[in-house]
């Protein structure tokens, strides 16, 4: 008997949420766009995409989303990319801002420069299949990790893809690459967390 497809939502307040949803659907997930807090109840997991983290926080607070989302990220699998990584981090600097604090890392916002400093790099990764293409757009830098964090890829000495239990985070945009491995890893995490 084929197991059910995981129901994975993509927070659709800003960022390339449709690209995330399309990638997850291609890999076999039941992907949906999440715009209201009530939609979280039906999900097995959630992707928090890139965008601008302070704008994200304003949207979440205005929509009454923050408390429900905070509960979700501390109990279900979540994948945060770029601004999503910032929102999941325990500590945020440059400047300091509040966050969901579900991932035991510290991040520095916009650490690699402005929009015109954006770049595409390839680097070694712990994921099978060789070097990983990574698209950086005004990306944060992970400046501290706890012992519970597994580093799956780095840019120089800085972690750029990390995992802590059922939480995955990247400072780059895997949805903008043709390489599906990061989304596949998240799908595997979600499947292993399902009853």
Protein backbone atom coordinates (compact mmCIF):
# COMPACT_ATOMS: atom_id res chain seq x y z
CA UNK A 1 0.00 0.00 0.00
CA UNK A 2 1.36 3.42 -1.00
CA UNK A 3 1.72 5.81 1.95
CA UNK A 4 -0.24 9.07 1.68
CA UNK A 5 1.52 12.09 0.21
CA UNK A 6 2.67 14.48 2.95
CA UNK A 7 0.61 17.67 3.16
CA UNK A 8 3.23 20.41 3.02
CA UNK A 9 2.23 24.06 3.11
CA UNK A 10 4.29 26.96 1.81
CA UNK A 11 3.78 30.23 3.65
CA UNK A 12 2.49 32.49 0.85
CA UNK A 13 2.97 35.97 2.28
CA UNK A 14 6.03 36.91 0.19
CA UNK A 15 8.98 35.32 -1.59
CA UNK A 16 9.04 32.59 -4.27
CA UNK A 17 6.37 30.51 -2.54
CA UNK A 18 4.87 29.16 -5.79
CA UNK A 19 8.28 27.83 -6.89
CA UNK A 20 8.67 25.96 -3.58
CA UNK A 21 5.18 24.48 -3.93
CA UNK A 22 5.81 23.38 -7.51
CA UNK A 23 9.11 21.70 -6.56
CA UNK A 24 7.51 19.85 -3.65
CA UNK A 25 4.59 18.71 -5.83
CA UNK A 26 7.04 17.42 -8.46
CA UNK A 27 8.68 15.33 -5.72
CA UNK A 28 5.37 13.80 -4.62
CA UNK A 29 4.10 16.07 -1.84
CA UNK A 30 0.56 17.39 -1.57
CA UNK A 31 1.71 21.03 -1.65
CA UNK A 32 -0.51 24.01 -0.85
CA UNK A 33 -0.13 27.75 -0.35
CA UNK A 34 -0.81 28.98 3.20
CA UNK A 35 -2.25 32.47 3.66
CA UNK A 36 -4.36 32.04 6.82
CA UNK A 37 -3.42 30.62 10.24
CA UNK A 38 -6.30 28.13 10.18
CA UNK A 39 -4.71 26.34 7.23
CA UNK A 40 -1.80 25.11 9.37
CA UNK A 41 -3.99 22.59 11.24
CA UNK A 42 -4.27 20.30 8.19
CA UNK A 43 -0.53 20.24 7.42
CA UNK A 44 2.21 17.72 8.11
CA UNK A 45 4.93 20.32 7.50
CA UNK A 46 5.62 23.89 6.37
CA UNK A 47 8.11 25.81 4.22
CA UNK A 48 8.86 29.42 5.18
CA UNK A 49 10.35 30.96 2.02
CA UNK A 50 12.65 33.91 1.43
CA UNK A 51 11.60 37.53 1.36
CA UNK A 52 12.24 40.28 3.86
CA UNK A 53 12.15 39.05 7.44
CA UNK A 54 10.91 42.26 9.09
CA UNK A 55 8.08 42.46 6.52
CA UNK A 56 7.28 38.81 7.27
CA UNK A 57 6.99 39.61 10.98
CA UNK A 58 4.64 42.54 10.30
CA UNK A 59 2.40 40.35 8.10
CA UNK A 60 2.37 37.57 10.72
CA UNK A 61 1.48 39.90 13.57
CA UNK A 62 -1.17 41.76 11.54
CA UNK A 63 -2.86 38.53 10.43
CA UNK A 64 -2.88 37.01 13.93
CA UNK A 65 -0.59 34.35 12.51
CA UNK A 66 2.41 34.61 14.83
CA UNK A 67 1.17 32.56 17.80
CA UNK A 68 -0.23 29.71 15.69
CA UNK A 69 2.93 29.60 13.55
CA UNK A 70 5.13 29.66 16.65
CA UNK A 71 3.34 26.61 18.01
CA UNK A 72 3.60 24.84 14.64
CA UNK A 73 7.36 25.33 14.16
CA UNK A 74 8.06 23.90 17.61
CA UNK A 75 6.08 20.71 16.92
CA UNK A 76 6.16 19.85 13.17
CA UNK A 77 8.79 19.67 10.40
CA UNK A 78 9.68 23.10 9.01
CA UNK A 79 12.05 24.27 6.27
CA UNK A 80 13.14 27.92 6.25
CA UNK A 81 15.03 29.48 3.34
CA UNK A 82 16.84 32.83 3.62
CA UNK A 83 14.28 35.02 5.49
CA UNK A 84 12.67 31.77 6.66
CA UNK A 85 16.00 30.79 8.22
CA UNK A 86 16.11 34.17 9.98
CA UNK A 87 12.59 33.70 11.36
CA UNK A 88 13.47 30.23 12.70
CA UNK A 89 16.76 31.30 14.35
CA UNK A 90 17.10 31.70 18.09
CA UNK A 91 19.14 34.91 17.73
CA UNK A 92 19.07 37.57 14.98
CA UNK A 93 21.51 40.47 14.58
CA UNK A 94 22.18 43.36 12.14
CA UNK A 95 19.87 44.62 13.57
CA UNK A 96 18.39 42.56 16.38
CA UNK A 97 14.82 41.42 15.75
CA UNK A 98 12.37 38.99 17.26
CA UNK A 99 12.08 35.49 15.80
CA UNK A 100 10.38 32.15 16.37
CA UNK A 101 13.50 30.75 18.09
CA UNK A 102 12.94 27.15 17.01
CA UNK A 103 16.44 26.59 15.57
CA UNK A 104 19.46 26.91 17.87
CA UNK A 105 21.53 29.20 15.66
CA UNK A 106 22.43 32.89 15.47
CA UNK A 107 22.13 34.70 12.14
CA UNK A 108 23.38 38.04 10.85
CA UNK A 109 20.94 39.60 8.38
CA UNK A 110 22.13 40.77 4.92
CA UNK A 111 25.64 39.60 5.77
CA UNK A 112 26.80 39.12 2.18
CA UNK A 113 25.89 42.60 0.96
CA UNK A 114 23.15 44.20 -1.09
CA UNK A 115 21.01 42.86 -3.93
CA UNK A 116 23.77 43.47 -6.51
CA UNK A 117 26.13 41.32 -4.40
CA UNK A 118 23.90 38.30 -5.02
CA UNK A 119 25.70 35.27 -6.44
CA UNK A 120 25.42 31.63 -7.46
CA UNK A 121 28.02 29.26 -6.01
CA UNK A 122 28.67 25.52 -5.97
CA UNK A 123 30.03 23.87 -2.84
CA UNK A 124 30.54 20.46 -1.33
CA UNK A 125 27.65 19.12 0.70
CA UNK A 126 26.86 16.20 2.99
CA UNK A 127 23.99 15.36 0.63
CA UNK A 128 24.80 12.56 -1.83
CA UNK A 129 25.30 13.58 -5.46
CA UNK A 130 28.30 15.93 -5.53
CA UNK A 131 28.57 19.73 -5.21
CA UNK A 132 25.38 21.69 -4.54
CA UNK A 133 24.39 24.81 -6.51
CA UNK A 134 23.43 27.62 -4.12
CA UNK A 135 21.71 30.89 -5.08
CA UNK A 136 22.42 33.69 -2.58
CA UNK A 137 20.26 36.84 -2.64
CA UNK A 138 20.89 39.36 0.19
CA UNK A 139 21.47 36.32 2.34
CA UNK A 140 21.98 36.01 6.08
CA UNK A 141 25.10 34.43 7.58
CA UNK A 142 24.86 31.80 10.29
CA UNK A 143 27.31 33.04 12.93
CA UNK A 144 26.73 30.51 15.72
CA UNK A 145 25.45 26.96 15.93
CA UNK A 146 24.82 24.72 18.92
CA UNK A 147 26.04 21.15 19.28
CA UNK A 148 22.60 19.92 18.20
CA UNK A 149 22.98 21.44 14.70
CA UNK A 150 24.06 19.27 11.78
CA UNK A 151 25.89 21.28 9.08
CA UNK A 152 25.11 19.96 5.59
CA UNK A 153 26.83 22.63 3.45
CA UNK A 154 29.10 25.65 3.94
CA UNK A 155 30.10 28.86 2.17
CA UNK A 156 33.70 29.24 3.21
CA UNK A 157 33.64 28.65 6.96
CA UNK A 158 29.98 29.63 7.40
CA UNK A 159 27.21 27.01 7.49
CA UNK A 160 24.57 27.62 4.81
CA UNK A 161 22.45 24.46 5.08
CA UNK A 162 21.70 23.14 8.57
CA UNK A 163 19.41 20.65 10.25
CA UNK A 164 18.23 20.26 13.83
CA UNK A 165 15.91 17.29 14.17
CA UNK A 166 12.89 17.97 11.99
CA UNK A 167 13.89 21.57 11.20
CA UNK A 168 15.87 22.33 8.04
CA UNK A 169 17.20 25.79 7.11
CA UNK A 170 19.25 27.30 4.32
CA UNK A 171 20.64 30.81 3.89
CA UNK A 172 20.39 30.36 0.11
CA UNK A 173 17.44 29.73 -2.23
CA UNK A 174 17.30 26.05 -3.29
CA UNK A 175 14.01 26.68 -5.08
CA UNK A 176 15.89 28.85 -7.63
CA UNK A 177 18.23 25.99 -8.58
CA UNK A 178 17.37 23.03 -10.79
CA UNK A 179 18.84 20.72 -8.12
CA UNK A 180 15.97 19.11 -6.13
CA UNK A 181 18.10 17.52 -3.39
CA UNK A 182 17.39 20.01 -0.59
CA UNK A 183 13.64 19.77 -1.10
CA UNK A 184 13.94 15.99 -1.36
CA UNK A 185 15.77 15.95 1.97
CA UNK A 186 12.96 17.96 3.55
CA UNK A 187 10.37 15.62 2.08
CA UNK A 188 12.28 12.67 3.58
CA UNK A 189 12.31 14.43 6.98
CA UNK A 190 8.56 15.00 6.76
CA UNK A 191 7.85 11.39 5.76
CA UNK A 192 9.92 10.06 8.64
CA UNK A 193 7.96 12.27 11.08
CA UNK A 194 4.56 11.09 9.86
CA UNK A 195 2.74 8.42 11.91
